[in-house]
Amino acid sequence: QVHVVESGGGLVQAGGSLRLSCAASGRPFSNYAMGWFRQAPGKEREFVAALSWSGGTTYYADSVKGRFTISRDNTKNTVYLQMNSLKPEDTAVYYCVAATTPYSPPISLRAGTGIWGQGTLVTVSS
């Protein structure tokens, strides 16, 4: 059974940085695209970023482009989300999602279909 576990959330001041981690287990990690979503209080879940199985292709939501970077370390079965220049509107629960089909394009994760973690809370104070 595949497990996806996020970590690294916390409280940070506006303008600060935070790095989220997502560890996946239960299958060959390097064969699957990975992504991040977030859900702010009272809002719908939204796509943040996605990364191909090789790490060579990335996609970002316009709201985070230039500030967030998604990456992966296949030797550690972990995907990261480096978040810089954080804004109060980035406050949300951040979820990691793993593709269910090997070698599928990361853009397919934008639909939200995949294996989800429990989420980690990021709070950005003004």
Foldseek 3Di string as FASTA:
>chain_A
DKAKAKDWADEAAAQAKTKMKIAMDDDQLLQWKKFKWWDDVPGDIAGAKIAFSNRPDMDGDPVQPPFWDWGDDSVRRMIMIIGGNDDQVVWTWMKMFIAPDTRDDRVVCRVVDGDIHPTDTHGYHD
